Amino acid sequence: MSIIGAFTPVFSRRVWPHVQLLLIGAILTLGQRTVTAALRVLGLADEAQFVTYHRVLHRARWSNLHTSRILLRLLIHTFVPQGPLVLGLDDTIERRTGAKIKAQGIYRDPVRSSHSHFVKASGLRWLSLMLLVPIPWAQRVWALPFLTALTPSERFHQQRGRPHKKLTDWARQMLRQVQRWVPDRPLVVVADSAYTVIAWLHDLQQHRPIAVITRLRLDAALYEAAPERQAGQMGRPRLKGKRLPTLAARLADVSTTWQRVQVVRWYGEGSRTVEIASDTAVWYHTGLPPVSIRWVLIRDPLGKFAAQALLSTDVQLAPLQILEWFVQRWQLEVTFEEVRAHLGVETQRQWSDLAIARTTPVLLGLFSLITLLAHERWKDTEMWVRRAAWYDKTLPTFVDALAEVRRALWKVETFRTSPTADDLVQVPRSLVDRLTDALCYAA
C-alpha cells in the first residue's frame, strides 16, 4: 500500500476501492485481462453490482496523465534519484478487430515484416514512453512504461475532418510533457529510425533542449558548421559550411581512424567488441532547418553485422556512451513482449472509446508497477528465482517479479476467494506449494 496508495489522489473516494480490487485482480488473473476475469479471481463472481467495476474504465472521472506523472515520480525516486533520465520511445500495434473500435487502422506489422516482406496488421497503434533504468536485483537495464498514447491513423482523422497528428507530433508533445513534470532533470531519448526526422530533431533543440539518439543514414548530407558572420557582411546568414564526405565514404576510406571499444551488453547478449569512428557535423536538407549532431559510425571486426551509424543531438556526449544508450533500446521490444505474454495486452475486450484509451496504457503501466512492488518486497525478503535441474537460473526476470507479487497477494485475505463455510480439507503442503507455483507463474 505504500506504493499503490500514491495513486489515491487520482480517484474519488467512491471509485478508489473499486480501483484497488481491479488492480489486484489484473495482477492475479490468468489469461484474458477483462473486468469479469478480475472479479472472478477475487471471488466476486456473485457480485450483483458488477457494472460498477466496468464504469471505472468507461465512465469514472480520472486522468491518465495524472497516473503517469505519479508513476514516473515513483520510478525516478526508486531507481534513478539523480543524473539524466534515459527514455525509450517506440510504438506498437495492438491487434484488435471489431466494428465498434473506431480508432483501429491498417499498419505495417513490425514483428512479421522484414526488409523484403511486408505484412499488414489491423488494430490500434500506441506510442509508449519508457524509462530505461538499471534494476539492481536483475543486474540489467529494464524499460519501464509510464506514459502511453493512442495514435490513430491518417484515415481516421480524414474521416472525421480533423488535422492528422504524426507519430513525431505525438512524441514531441509527450516529451515536452515529461520535461514539465521533471524540469530539473536532463532528458535523453533513444528512438529507432522512424524518428530520424530533421524537423523533429530541430524542434526538440529549441528552448530547453532534449537530447535524442537515433539511427543515421550512411548517405546523409553532412556539412561543416557555418562560418562566423563577418562585421558588415551582406546577405542572409549561412546555415552550413563546406560539404563533408558521407559516412559511407568514410567507411570505405582506409584513412578513417577507428577506435576499438567493448559494449557491456549488446542487444541482450554478453559483452561485444566493436570499432567506432565519430565526429561532429551539421545535418542539413534543402528547405529544412540545420541540426548539429555527433555521428558515430560502427562496424564489427568479425563482420557478423553490417556497418551502421548513429546520431546524437547532444554533441558533447562521448561516442561510447551514445552507443551504450542506443543498445538499451532493445529492452523496449522485450517489454512489449512481456506485457503481451504475461499481462494480457491484446486480450482486453472494452468497446467504449474511453475504456480503450485507458486499458492498454494501464496494462503497460502495470509492468512498471509490478517491478516497483517486487523491488519493495525483495528489500526485506530473499529473492525467489524459479529454478530447475535443466535450467540453472540465477537472476530474477519479470516472470519472477510477477510471481513474487502474486505470492504476496495470495497470502493476504483481502478479498473473498471461497464461501464462508467452516468445513476444512487437509491438503499436503507440498501440493499447496506446487499449486501456488503454478498459479504465480501462469500467464
Protein backbone atom coordinates (compact mmCIF):
# COMPACT_ATOMS: atom_id res chain seq x y z
CA MET A 1 0.00 0.00 0.00
CA SER A 2 2.96 2.34 0.37
CA ILE A 3 3.25 2.23 -3.43
CA ILE A 4 -0.36 1.69 -4.51
CA GLY A 5 -1.55 4.36 -2.09
CA ALA A 6 0.40 7.00 -4.03
CA PHE A 7 -2.36 6.92 -6.68
CA THR A 8 -5.15 7.76 -4.21
CA PRO A 9 -5.42 11.48 -5.26
CA VAL A 10 -6.28 10.47 -8.83
CA PHE A 11 -9.62 8.88 -7.92
CA SER A 12 -12.67 9.89 -5.91
CA ARG A 13 -13.45 8.17 -2.61
CA ARG A 14 -16.26 6.17 -4.23
CA VAL A 15 -14.13 4.92 -7.12
CA TRP A 16 -10.86 4.21 -5.27
CA PRO A 17 -11.99 0.93 -3.54
CA HIS A 18 -13.08 -0.48 -6.91
CA VAL A 19 -9.79 0.57 -8.50
CA GLN A 20 -7.80 -1.30 -5.85
CA LEU A 21 -9.76 -4.50 -6.42
CA LEU A 22 -9.41 -4.25 -10.21
CA LEU A 23 -5.68 -3.67 -9.82
CA ILE A 24 -5.21 -6.74 -7.62
CA GLY A 25 -7.45 -8.75 -9.92
CA ALA A 26 -5.44 -7.71 -13.00
CA ILE A 27 -2.25 -8.95 -11.31
CA LEU A 28 -3.73 -12.28 -10.20
CA THR A 29 -5.79 -13.01 -13.32
CA LEU A 30 -4.60 -15.68 -15.73
CA GLY A 31 -5.34 -15.33 -19.43
CA GLN A 32 -7.62 -12.53 -20.59
CA ARG A 33 -7.43 -9.23 -18.70
CA THR A 34 -11.11 -8.39 -18.62
CA VAL A 35 -13.10 -6.85 -15.79
CA THR A 36 -15.12 -10.05 -15.32
CA ALA A 37 -11.95 -12.16 -15.14
CA ALA A 38 -10.59 -9.86 -12.43
CA LEU A 39 -13.83 -10.20 -10.45
CA ARG A 40 -13.78 -13.99 -10.74
CA VAL A 41 -10.25 -14.34 -9.41
CA LEU A 42 -11.19 -12.14 -6.45
CA GLY A 43 -14.15 -14.37 -5.59
CA LEU A 44 -16.67 -11.74 -6.72
CA ALA A 45 -18.44 -13.79 -9.38
CA ASP A 46 -21.72 -13.33 -7.50
CA GLU A 47 -21.35 -9.54 -7.23
CA ALA A 48 -24.71 -8.16 -8.39
CA GLN A 49 -23.29 -4.65 -8.91
CA PHE A 50 -20.58 -5.82 -11.30
CA VAL A 51 -21.37 -2.96 -13.68
CA THR A 52 -19.83 -0.59 -11.12
CA TYR A 53 -16.39 -2.02 -11.92
CA HIS A 54 -16.92 -1.55 -15.66
CA ARG A 55 -17.71 2.12 -15.04
CA VAL A 56 -14.24 2.65 -13.60
CA LEU A 57 -12.91 2.40 -17.15
CA HIS A 58 -15.62 3.88 -19.34
CA ARG A 59 -17.33 6.48 -17.13
CA ALA A 60 -15.44 7.41 -13.95
CA ARG A 61 -13.60 10.73 -14.00
CA TRP A 62 -9.85 10.26 -13.64
CA SER A 63 -6.82 11.27 -15.65
CA ASN A 64 -4.32 9.05 -17.44
CA LEU A 65 -1.79 11.90 -17.33
CA HIS A 66 -2.12 12.21 -13.55
CA THR A 67 -1.44 8.49 -13.04
CA SER A 68 1.51 8.66 -15.46
CA ARG A 69 3.05 11.54 -13.55
CA ILE A 70 2.77 9.71 -10.21
CA LEU A 71 4.19 6.51 -11.70
CA LEU A 72 7.14 8.40 -13.20
CA ARG A 73 7.93 10.02 -9.86
CA LEU A 74 7.87 6.63 -8.12
CA LEU A 75 10.22 5.15 -10.71
CA ILE A 76 12.63 8.07 -10.51
CA HIS A 77 12.68 8.05 -6.71
CA THR A 78 13.32 4.29 -6.61
CA PHE A 79 15.75 3.66 -9.46
CA VAL A 80 17.31 6.94 -10.73
CA PRO A 81 17.28 9.57 -7.96
CA GLN A 82 19.98 11.58 -9.74
CA GLY A 83 21.57 12.05 -13.15
CA PRO A 84 19.99 12.24 -16.61
CA LEU A 85 16.78 10.37 -17.37
CA VAL A 86 17.19 7.99 -20.32
CA LEU A 87 13.85 7.47 -22.07
CA GLY A 88 12.95 4.90 -24.69
CA LEU A 89 10.39 5.85 -27.35
CA ASP A 90 8.65 3.32 -29.57
CA ASP A 91 5.25 2.39 -30.99
CA THR A 92 3.49 -0.95 -31.07
CA ILE A 93 0.38 -2.41 -32.68
CA GLU A 94 -2.38 -3.87 -30.51
CA ARG A 95 -4.17 -6.36 -32.76
CA ARG A 96 -7.88 -5.67 -32.26
CA THR A 97 -10.85 -6.06 -34.60
CA GLY A 98 -14.49 -5.06 -34.31
CA ALA A 99 -16.91 -2.56 -35.77
CA LYS A 100 -17.15 -0.61 -32.50
CA ILE A 101 -13.40 0.00 -32.21
CA LYS A 102 -13.31 3.32 -34.02
CA ALA A 103 -9.59 4.15 -33.85
CA GLN A 104 -8.35 0.93 -35.44
CA GLY A 105 -6.34 1.14 -38.64
CA ILE A 106 -4.16 -0.87 -41.00
CA TYR A 107 -0.44 -0.69 -40.22
CA ARG A 108 2.79 -2.42 -41.07
CA ASP A 109 3.32 -5.36 -38.71
CA PRO A 110 6.83 -4.76 -37.30
CA VAL A 111 7.15 -8.34 -35.99
CA ARG A 112 6.14 -10.29 -39.08
CA SER A 113 7.51 -7.89 -41.69
CA SER A 114 11.09 -7.74 -42.93
CA HIS A 115 13.06 -5.62 -45.40
CA SER A 116 11.79 -7.75 -48.30
CA HIS A 117 8.41 -8.86 -46.95
CA PHE A 118 5.56 -6.51 -45.98
CA VAL A 119 2.79 -7.76 -43.67
CA LYS A 120 -0.23 -5.68 -42.68
CA ALA A 121 -1.91 -5.75 -39.27
CA SER A 122 -5.29 -4.38 -38.19
CA GLY A 123 -5.51 -2.82 -34.76
CA LEU A 124 -4.66 0.13 -32.58
CA ARG A 125 -1.31 1.91 -32.66
CA TRP A 126 0.15 3.00 -29.32
CA LEU A 127 3.14 5.22 -28.71
CA SER A 128 4.85 4.40 -25.43
CA LEU A 129 7.45 6.30 -23.45
CA MET A 130 9.55 4.14 -21.12
CA LEU A 131 12.18 4.88 -18.50
CA LEU A 132 15.40 2.91 -19.09
CA VAL A 133 16.80 2.12 -15.67
CA PRO A 134 19.20 -0.44 -14.17
CA ILE A 135 17.35 -2.92 -11.93
CA PRO A 136 19.70 -3.91 -9.07
CA TRP A 137 18.37 -7.42 -8.47
CA ALA A 138 18.12 -8.22 -12.21
CA GLN A 139 21.59 -6.75 -12.90
CA ARG A 140 20.46 -5.32 -16.21
CA VAL A 141 18.53 -2.41 -17.71
CA TRP A 142 14.74 -2.67 -17.98
CA ALA A 143 12.37 -0.48 -19.97
CA LEU A 144 9.56 0.63 -17.64
CA PRO A 145 6.49 2.17 -19.39
CA PHE A 146 4.89 5.16 -17.71
CA LEU A 147 3.19 7.20 -20.48
CA THR A 148 1.31 5.70 -23.44
CA ALA A 149 -0.88 7.46 -26.00
CA LEU A 150 -3.24 6.18 -28.70
CA THR A 151 -2.12 7.46 -32.12
CA PRO A 152 -4.87 6.90 -34.74
CA SER A 153 -4.12 6.60 -38.44
CA GLU A 154 -4.34 9.36 -41.03
CA ARG A 155 -7.52 7.83 -42.46
CA PHE A 156 -9.17 8.02 -39.03
CA HIS A 157 -8.59 11.78 -38.88
CA GLN A 158 -9.60 12.33 -42.52
CA GLN A 159 -12.94 10.61 -41.99
CA ARG A 160 -13.67 12.95 -39.09
CA GLY A 161 -12.38 16.11 -40.74
CA ARG A 162 -9.53 16.59 -38.26
CA PRO A 163 -5.90 17.51 -38.91
CA HIS A 164 -3.67 14.46 -38.71
CA LYS A 165 -1.02 14.19 -35.97
CA LYS A 166 2.04 12.21 -37.00
CA LEU A 167 3.97 9.97 -34.65
CA THR A 168 6.63 12.64 -34.34
CA ASP A 169 3.98 15.19 -33.30
CA TRP A 170 2.74 12.87 -30.56
CA ALA A 171 6.31 12.13 -29.50
CA ARG A 172 7.23 15.82 -29.24
CA GLN A 173 4.12 16.53 -27.16
CA MET A 174 4.81 13.62 -24.80
CA LEU A 175 8.45 14.57 -24.30
CA ARG A 176 7.62 18.20 -23.55
CA GLN A 177 5.04 16.97 -21.03
CA VAL A 178 7.68 14.90 -19.26
CA GLN A 179 10.01 17.88 -19.29
CA ARG A 180 7.35 19.91 -17.46
CA TRP A 181 6.97 17.13 -14.89
CA VAL A 182 10.71 16.92 -14.13
CA PRO A 183 12.15 20.33 -15.05
CA ASP A 184 15.34 19.80 -13.04
CA ARG A 185 16.49 16.61 -14.82
CA PRO A 186 18.14 16.43 -18.28
CA LEU A 187 16.36 14.10 -20.72
CA VAL A 188 17.96 11.71 -23.21
CA VAL A 189 15.65 9.99 -25.71
CA VAL A 190 16.55 6.77 -27.51
CA ALA A 191 14.45 6.01 -30.60
CA ASP A 192 14.57 4.00 -33.82
CA SER A 193 14.96 5.25 -37.39
CA ALA A 194 11.29 6.30 -37.62
CA TYR A 195 12.29 9.38 -35.61
CA THR A 196 15.30 10.33 -37.72
CA VAL A 197 13.47 13.44 -38.91
CA ILE A 198 15.35 16.72 -39.23
CA ALA A 199 12.40 18.98 -38.36
CA TRP A 200 11.52 16.90 -35.28
CA LEU A 201 15.12 16.85 -34.05
CA HIS A 202 15.38 20.59 -34.60
CA ASP A 203 12.18 21.28 -32.64
CA LEU A 204 13.48 19.36 -29.63
CA GLN A 205 16.63 21.50 -29.57
CA GLN A 206 14.71 24.77 -29.16
CA HIS A 207 14.24 26.49 -25.78
CA ARG A 208 15.11 23.64 -23.37
CA PRO A 209 16.96 21.04 -25.46
CA ILE A 210 16.17 17.32 -25.21
CA ALA A 211 18.99 15.06 -26.39
CA VAL A 212 17.95 12.46 -28.99
CA ILE A 213 19.91 9.35 -30.01
CA THR A 214 18.75 7.53 -33.11
CA ARG A 215 20.00 5.96 -36.33
CA LEU A 216 21.52 7.93 -39.22
CA ARG A 217 21.60 7.03 -42.91
CA LEU A 218 25.03 6.32 -44.32
CA ASP A 219 24.29 8.65 -47.26
CA ALA A 220 23.04 11.59 -45.14
CA ALA A 221 24.21 15.03 -46.30
CA LEU A 222 26.64 16.31 -43.65
CA TYR A 223 28.33 19.71 -43.59
CA GLU A 224 30.77 21.69 -41.54
CA ALA A 225 29.39 24.30 -39.16
CA ALA A 226 28.50 27.63 -40.76
CA PRO A 227 31.42 30.11 -40.65
CA GLU A 228 31.13 33.08 -38.34
CA ARG A 229 29.47 36.10 -39.86
CA GLN A 230 31.86 38.97 -40.51
CA ALA A 231 31.12 42.54 -39.47
CA GLY A 232 29.23 44.34 -42.21
CA GLN A 233 28.72 41.18 -44.25
CA MET A 234 25.74 41.40 -46.64
CA GLY A 235 23.12 38.75 -47.27
CA ARG A 236 21.31 36.12 -45.27
CA PRO A 237 23.30 34.27 -42.57
CA ARG A 238 24.70 30.96 -43.77
CA LEU A 239 23.14 27.77 -42.40
CA LYS A 240 26.01 25.39 -43.15
CA GLY A 241 29.60 25.26 -44.20
CA LYS A 242 31.57 23.04 -46.56
CA ARG A 243 30.11 19.67 -47.62
CA LEU A 244 31.67 16.71 -45.81
CA PRO A 245 32.12 13.15 -47.10
CA THR A 246 29.21 10.81 -46.45
CA LEU A 247 29.52 8.16 -43.79
CA ALA A 248 29.51 5.50 -46.49
CA ALA A 249 32.59 7.17 -47.97
CA ARG A 250 34.26 7.32 -44.55
CA LEU A 251 33.51 3.64 -44.09
CA ALA A 252 35.35 2.80 -47.31
CA ASP A 253 38.19 5.26 -46.66
CA VAL A 254 41.31 3.46 -45.38
CA SER A 255 42.46 6.65 -43.64
CA THR A 256 39.47 6.68 -41.25
CA THR A 257 40.62 6.33 -37.66
CA TRP A 258 38.81 3.55 -35.79
CA GLN A 259 38.67 3.01 -32.05
CA ARG A 260 38.03 -0.45 -30.63
CA VAL A 261 35.60 -0.42 -27.68
CA GLN A 262 33.72 -3.02 -25.67
CA VAL A 263 29.97 -2.74 -25.14
CA VAL A 264 28.92 -4.42 -21.89
CA ARG A 265 25.52 -5.65 -23.12
CA TRP A 266 24.91 -5.98 -26.82
CA TYR A 267 21.19 -6.46 -27.61
CA GLY A 268 20.56 -8.90 -24.77
CA GLU A 269 23.80 -10.79 -25.30
CA GLY A 270 27.02 -10.54 -23.35
CA SER A 271 29.78 -8.01 -23.96
CA ARG A 272 30.83 -7.36 -27.55
CA THR A 273 33.81 -5.64 -29.12
CA VAL A 274 33.14 -3.23 -31.97
CA GLU A 275 35.03 -0.48 -33.77
CA ILE A 276 33.71 3.09 -33.86
CA ALA A 277 34.59 6.39 -35.51
CA SER A 278 32.97 9.67 -34.52
CA ASP A 279 32.91 13.39 -35.22
CA THR A 280 30.57 16.37 -35.21
CA ALA A 281 28.75 17.81 -38.22
CA VAL A 282 25.68 19.71 -39.37
CA TRP A 283 22.90 17.61 -40.91
CA TYR A 284 21.05 19.68 -43.49
CA HIS A 285 18.47 19.23 -46.23
CA THR A 286 17.14 21.93 -48.51
CA GLY A 287 14.08 23.63 -47.06
CA LEU A 288 14.67 22.26 -43.57
CA PRO A 289 16.49 23.74 -40.58
CA PRO A 290 20.07 22.59 -39.89
CA VAL A 291 20.74 20.26 -36.93
CA SER A 292 24.08 19.99 -35.19
CA ILE A 293 24.85 16.35 -34.43
CA ARG A 294 27.56 13.98 -33.30
CA TRP A 295 27.66 10.96 -35.58
CA VAL A 296 29.02 7.56 -34.58
CA LEU A 297 29.98 5.04 -37.25
CA ILE A 298 30.00 1.40 -36.06
CA ARG A 299 31.47 -1.70 -37.65
CA ASP A 300 32.03 -5.26 -36.47
CA PRO A 301 35.64 -6.54 -36.62
CA LEU A 302 34.25 -10.05 -37.13
CA GLY A 303 31.89 -8.95 -39.90
CA LYS A 304 28.79 -10.50 -38.29
CA PHE A 305 26.61 -7.42 -38.83
CA ALA A 306 26.56 -4.65 -41.40
CA ALA A 307 28.05 -1.27 -40.57
CA GLN A 308 25.59 1.26 -39.16
CA ALA A 309 25.57 4.84 -37.94
CA LEU A 310 24.02 6.69 -35.01
CA LEU A 311 23.47 10.35 -34.28
CA SER A 312 23.16 12.35 -31.10
CA THR A 313 21.83 15.89 -30.96
CA ASP A 314 23.99 16.40 -27.87
CA VAL A 315 27.42 16.85 -29.43
CA GLN A 316 29.11 16.72 -26.01
CA LEU A 317 28.24 13.06 -25.40
CA ALA A 318 31.03 10.52 -25.65
CA PRO A 319 30.71 8.12 -28.61
CA LEU A 320 30.79 5.04 -26.37
CA GLN A 321 28.04 6.49 -24.18
CA ILE A 322 25.89 7.13 -27.26
CA LEU A 323 26.35 3.52 -28.37
CA GLU A 324 25.64 2.05 -24.93
CA TRP A 325 22.46 4.07 -24.53
CA PHE A 326 21.22 3.18 -28.00
CA VAL A 327 21.78 -0.54 -27.42
CA GLN A 328 19.44 -0.30 -24.41
CA ARG A 329 16.62 0.43 -26.88
CA TRP A 330 16.28 -3.34 -27.35
CA GLN A 331 14.65 -3.51 -23.90
CA LEU A 332 11.58 -1.75 -25.29
CA GLU A 333 10.90 -4.75 -27.52
CA VAL A 334 11.39 -7.06 -24.54
CA THR A 335 8.84 -5.10 -22.51
CA PHE A 336 6.27 -5.20 -25.33
CA GLU A 337 6.69 -8.97 -25.49
CA GLU A 338 6.42 -9.38 -21.70
CA VAL A 339 3.18 -7.41 -21.40
CA ARG A 340 1.63 -9.49 -24.17
CA ALA A 341 2.76 -12.80 -22.70
CA HIS A 342 2.13 -12.14 -19.00
CA LEU A 343 -0.15 -9.10 -18.57
CA GLY A 344 -2.79 -9.81 -21.20
CA VAL A 345 -2.28 -6.91 -23.62
CA GLU A 346 -4.46 -7.61 -26.70
CA THR A 347 -6.86 -9.76 -24.63
CA GLN A 348 -8.98 -6.94 -23.15
CA ARG A 349 -12.46 -6.59 -24.64
CA GLN A 350 -13.56 -2.99 -24.00
CA TRP A 351 -15.52 -1.25 -26.79
CA SER A 352 -16.05 2.18 -25.27
CA ASP A 353 -13.66 4.80 -26.67
CA LEU A 354 -12.71 5.99 -23.19
CA ALA A 355 -12.19 2.45 -21.87
CA ILE A 356 -9.99 1.59 -24.86
CA ALA A 357 -7.91 4.73 -24.33
CA ARG A 358 -7.39 3.77 -20.67
CA THR A 359 -6.97 -0.01 -20.56
CA THR A 360 -3.85 -0.57 -22.65
CA PRO A 361 -1.86 2.27 -21.00
CA VAL A 362 -2.86 0.84 -17.62
CA LEU A 363 -1.68 -2.67 -18.55
CA LEU A 364 1.63 -1.27 -19.82
CA GLY A 365 2.00 0.78 -16.65
CA LEU A 366 1.24 -2.38 -14.65
CA PHE A 367 4.59 -3.74 -15.85
CA SER A 368 6.34 -0.85 -14.10
CA LEU A 369 4.13 -1.08 -11.02
CA ILE A 370 4.87 -4.80 -10.59
CA THR A 371 8.58 -4.04 -10.88
CA LEU A 372 8.23 -1.46 -8.09
CA LEU A 373 6.24 -3.88 -5.91
CA ALA A 374 8.77 -6.68 -6.37
CA HIS A 375 11.62 -4.28 -5.62
CA GLU A 376 9.88 -3.28 -2.38
CA ARG A 377 9.32 -6.94 -1.46
CA TRP A 378 12.90 -8.00 -2.09
CA LYS A 379 14.25 -5.29 0.18
CA ASP A 380 13.27 -7.39 3.22
CA THR A 381 12.96 -10.93 1.86
CA GLU A 382 15.20 -13.25 -0.10
CA MET A 383 14.80 -13.14 -3.88
CA TRP A 384 12.79 -16.00 -5.31
CA VAL A 385 14.07 -17.38 -8.61
CA ARG A 386 12.36 -20.31 -10.28
CA ARG A 387 14.99 -22.98 -10.92
CA ALA A 388 15.05 -26.47 -12.33
CA ALA A 389 17.57 -29.23 -12.85
CA TRP A 390 17.73 -28.31 -16.55
CA TYR A 391 17.66 -24.53 -16.03
CA ASP A 392 20.12 -23.13 -13.50
CA LYS A 393 18.67 -19.65 -13.30
CA THR A 394 20.48 -17.23 -11.00
CA LEU A 395 18.91 -13.79 -11.59
CA PRO A 396 15.19 -12.96 -11.48
CA THR A 397 13.32 -11.88 -14.59
CA PHE A 398 9.94 -10.18 -14.90
CA VAL A 399 8.21 -13.55 -14.58
CA ASP A 400 9.83 -13.99 -11.15
CA ALA A 401 8.88 -10.44 -10.14
CA LEU A 402 5.25 -11.07 -11.12
CA ALA A 403 5.26 -14.39 -9.24
CA GLU A 404 6.66 -12.68 -6.11
CA VAL A 405 3.90 -10.07 -6.13
CA ARG A 406 1.23 -12.73 -6.72
CA ARG A 407 2.67 -14.88 -3.93
CA ALA A 408 2.42 -11.95 -1.53
CA LEU A 409 -1.18 -11.20 -2.55
CA TRP A 410 -2.37 -14.80 -2.26
CA LYS A 411 -1.20 -14.91 1.37
CA VAL A 412 -3.30 -11.90 2.41
CA GLU A 413 -7.03 -12.37 2.97
CA THR A 414 -8.11 -9.06 1.50
CA PHE A 415 -10.79 -10.50 -0.79
CA ARG A 416 -13.28 -13.36 -0.86
CA THR A 417 -11.79 -16.41 -2.55
CA SER A 418 -14.09 -19.09 -1.07
CA PRO A 419 -17.51 -19.41 0.58
CA THR A 420 -17.74 -18.72 4.31
CA ALA A 421 -18.14 -22.37 5.36
CA ASP A 422 -16.43 -23.90 8.36
CA ASP A 423 -15.63 -27.29 6.79
CA LEU A 424 -11.90 -27.86 6.32
CA VAL A 425 -9.97 -30.13 3.99
CA GLN A 426 -6.44 -31.17 4.84
CA VAL A 427 -4.08 -30.74 1.89
CA PRO A 428 -0.37 -31.66 1.96
CA ARG A 429 1.89 -28.62 1.99
CA SER A 430 3.86 -29.94 -1.00
CA LEU A 431 0.66 -29.92 -3.08
CA VAL A 432 -0.20 -26.38 -1.96
CA ASP A 433 3.31 -25.20 -2.87
CA ARG A 434 3.06 -26.74 -6.35
CA LEU A 435 -0.37 -25.22 -6.94
CA THR A 436 0.84 -21.80 -5.76
CA ASP A 437 3.87 -22.04 -8.01
CA ALA A 438 1.69 -22.91 -10.98
CA LEU A 439 -0.68 -20.02 -10.30
CA CYS A 440 2.05 -17.45 -9.73
CA TYR A 441 3.95 -18.33 -12.91
CA ALA A 442 0.97 -18.87 -15.20
CA ALA A 443 0.37 -16.31 -17.92
